[in-house]
Amino acid sequence: MLSTTSCRSLAASAYKTHIGATLAGGGYVQLSADGLGVGAGMYHLAADQLDRYRRAVADDATGADLAVVVDGLRAGGHEIGAHERLKTAPRGYPRDHPRVDLLRHKGLIVWRAWEPAAWLGTRRAKDRVVGVLRAARPLQSWLEANVGPSVLPGP
């Protein structure tokens, strides 16, 4: 059996040290030596999706709705992130836009992670995964309604 220390040293190696699964209803679950992670959203947006995302964020109605969802997720202890984030406002958007932080994202996910502990082998692990996915549902719904899938040709 590997100790936590030896597992963490493996994480720096060339070997894959985690396992992850994309869920059919939306979401992602990852288990590694670092613990359990759960997320949902759109991690990396294609160019057409990014354009729709930014237009919806900039819009006073849909953008305000998203800000409420994101604020609620953060207040619940969830992280908000993306594949990539600009250092400043994207071209064509004012730097003082009230939702400039959201405009800078090139994707949008909610993420929650826990370090390894004995509870990972109990029902509490499933309950935490389900809890994050339920909390993420308003974000998923907003993204589905305002961004949707890419219509660009695949690679």
Protein backbone atom coordinates (compact mmCIF):
# COMPACT_ATOMS: atom_id res chain seq x y z
CA MET A 1 0.00 0.00 0.00
CA LEU A 2 1.30 3.46 -0.90
CA SER A 3 1.45 6.17 1.71
CA THR A 4 0.04 9.63 1.03
CA THR A 5 3.60 10.92 0.64
CA SER A 6 4.55 8.30 -1.95
CA CYS A 7 1.28 8.85 -3.82
CA ARG A 8 1.96 12.56 -4.03
CA SER A 9 5.48 11.95 -5.34
CA LEU A 10 3.96 9.81 -8.09
CA ALA A 11 1.81 12.78 -9.09
CA ALA A 12 4.96 14.54 -10.27
CA SER A 13 5.97 11.57 -12.42
CA ALA A 14 5.22 10.80 -16.05
CA TYR A 15 2.58 8.27 -14.98
CA LYS A 16 -1.11 9.09 -14.94
CA THR A 17 -2.08 9.30 -11.29
CA HIS A 18 -5.78 10.01 -11.54
CA ILE A 19 -8.91 8.58 -13.04
CA GLY A 20 -11.76 10.70 -14.28
CA ALA A 21 -15.19 10.23 -15.78
CA THR A 22 -17.43 12.55 -17.77
CA LEU A 23 -21.04 12.03 -16.73
CA ALA A 24 -23.84 11.66 -19.28
CA GLY A 25 -26.06 14.27 -17.60
CA GLY A 26 -23.22 16.77 -17.39
CA GLY A 27 -20.40 16.86 -14.92
CA TYR A 28 -17.03 15.33 -14.24
CA VAL A 29 -15.67 13.22 -11.36
CA GLN A 30 -11.98 12.66 -10.69
CA LEU A 31 -10.21 10.49 -8.13
CA SER A 32 -6.49 10.67 -7.48
CA ALA A 33 -3.87 10.55 -4.77
CA ASP A 34 -4.84 14.15 -4.09
CA GLY A 35 -8.44 13.16 -3.34
CA LEU A 36 -11.84 13.55 -4.96
CA GLY A 37 -12.80 16.31 -7.39
CA VAL A 38 -16.18 17.08 -8.95
CA GLY A 39 -17.00 19.66 -11.60
CA ALA A 40 -19.52 20.78 -14.16
CA GLY A 41 -19.81 23.40 -16.86
CA MET A 42 -17.94 24.07 -20.09
CA TYR A 43 -14.20 23.94 -19.48
CA HIS A 44 -13.03 25.04 -22.93
CA LEU A 45 -15.25 26.95 -25.35
CA ALA A 46 -14.88 26.78 -29.14
CA ALA A 47 -14.75 30.15 -30.93
CA ASP A 48 -18.49 30.22 -31.70
CA GLN A 49 -19.36 29.23 -28.14
CA LEU A 50 -17.01 31.87 -26.71
CA ASP A 51 -18.70 34.55 -28.80
CA ARG A 52 -22.16 33.49 -27.56
CA TYR A 53 -20.88 33.23 -23.98
CA ARG A 54 -19.43 36.74 -23.98
CA ARG A 55 -22.52 38.27 -25.58
CA ALA A 56 -24.70 36.61 -22.93
CA VAL A 57 -22.41 37.73 -20.08
CA ALA A 58 -22.40 41.30 -21.41
CA ASP A 59 -26.20 41.36 -21.73
CA ASP A 60 -27.82 43.04 -18.73
CA ALA A 61 -30.47 40.34 -18.23
CA THR A 62 -28.63 37.09 -18.96
CA GLY A 63 -25.34 38.36 -17.56
CA ALA A 64 -26.95 39.42 -14.30
CA ASP A 65 -28.58 35.98 -14.03
CA LEU A 66 -25.19 34.31 -14.45
CA ALA A 67 -23.59 36.59 -11.85
CA VAL A 68 -26.23 35.53 -9.30
CA VAL A 69 -25.56 31.85 -10.06
CA VAL A 70 -21.78 32.27 -9.80
CA ASP A 71 -22.03 34.29 -6.57
CA GLY A 72 -24.21 31.58 -5.05
CA LEU A 73 -21.77 28.85 -6.03
CA ARG A 74 -18.82 30.74 -4.57
CA ALA A 75 -20.76 31.40 -1.36
CA GLY A 76 -21.35 27.64 -1.15
CA GLY A 77 -17.60 26.97 -1.18
CA HIS A 78 -17.27 26.05 -4.85
CA GLU A 79 -14.47 27.28 -7.10
CA ILE A 80 -15.23 28.93 -10.44
CA GLY A 81 -12.70 28.46 -13.20
CA ALA A 82 -11.99 27.76 -16.84
CA HIS A 83 -9.43 26.28 -19.20
CA GLU A 84 -8.01 29.74 -19.74
CA ARG A 85 -8.63 33.27 -18.54
CA LEU A 86 -7.56 36.59 -20.03
CA LYS A 87 -5.62 39.09 -17.92
CA THR A 88 -7.87 41.95 -18.99
CA ALA A 89 -11.20 42.50 -20.72
CA PRO A 90 -11.55 40.82 -24.11
CA ARG A 91 -11.27 42.98 -27.20
CA GLY A 92 -14.47 44.95 -27.79
CA TYR A 93 -15.58 44.95 -24.14
CA PRO A 94 -14.95 47.78 -21.67
CA ARG A 95 -12.42 47.14 -18.91
CA ASP A 96 -14.87 48.54 -16.37
CA HIS A 97 -17.75 46.26 -17.38
CA PRO A 98 -19.58 45.12 -14.22
CA ARG A 99 -18.99 41.45 -15.14
CA VAL A 100 -15.48 41.81 -16.59
CA ASP A 101 -14.28 38.94 -14.40
CA LEU A 102 -16.73 36.59 -16.14
CA LEU A 103 -15.98 38.08 -19.58
CA ARG A 104 -12.31 37.18 -19.15
CA HIS A 105 -13.06 33.44 -18.90
CA LYS A 106 -12.65 31.25 -22.02
CA GLY A 107 -14.92 28.66 -20.46
CA LEU A 108 -16.79 28.36 -17.19
CA ILE A 109 -16.86 25.55 -14.67
CA VAL A 110 -17.71 24.98 -11.06
CA TRP A 111 -15.26 22.74 -9.16
CA ARG A 112 -15.07 21.26 -5.71
CA ALA A 113 -12.23 19.10 -4.38
CA TRP A 114 -11.52 17.24 -1.17
CA GLU A 115 -8.27 15.77 0.12
CA PRO A 116 -8.02 12.03 0.76
CA ALA A 117 -9.80 10.86 3.91
CA ALA A 118 -11.54 7.78 5.24
CA TRP A 119 -14.97 9.11 4.18
CA LEU A 120 -14.03 8.50 0.51
CA GLY A 121 -14.89 4.84 1.07
CA THR A 122 -18.37 5.61 2.38
CA ARG A 123 -21.69 6.88 1.08
CA ARG A 124 -20.57 10.40 1.99
CA ALA A 125 -18.43 10.44 -1.17
CA LYS A 126 -21.49 9.84 -3.36
CA ASP A 127 -23.48 12.39 -1.38
CA ARG A 128 -20.80 15.03 -1.95
CA VAL A 129 -20.61 14.29 -5.68
CA VAL A 130 -24.39 14.54 -6.00
CA GLY A 131 -24.39 17.73 -3.92
CA VAL A 132 -21.93 19.47 -6.25
CA LEU A 133 -23.78 18.33 -9.35
CA ARG A 134 -27.09 19.61 -7.94
CA ALA A 135 -25.51 22.92 -6.95
CA ALA A 136 -24.03 23.20 -10.47
CA ARG A 137 -27.37 22.62 -12.23
CA PRO A 138 -28.23 26.36 -12.53
CA LEU A 139 -24.83 26.98 -14.14
CA GLN A 140 -25.30 24.05 -16.52
CA SER A 141 -28.77 25.31 -17.43
CA TRP A 142 -27.48 28.83 -18.07
CA LEU A 143 -24.69 27.52 -20.31
CA GLU A 144 -27.05 25.23 -22.23
CA ALA A 145 -29.54 28.09 -22.79
CA ASN A 146 -27.02 30.81 -23.67
CA VAL A 147 -23.99 29.05 -25.14
CA GLY A 148 -24.99 25.58 -26.35
CA PRO A 149 -22.83 23.21 -28.36
CA SER A 150 -20.37 24.35 -31.00
CA VAL A 151 -21.55 24.29 -34.57
CA LEU A 152 -18.03 24.53 -35.98
CA PRO A 153 -16.64 21.55 -37.91
CA GLY A 154 -14.64 19.14 -35.76
CA PRO A 155 -10.87 18.56 -36.00
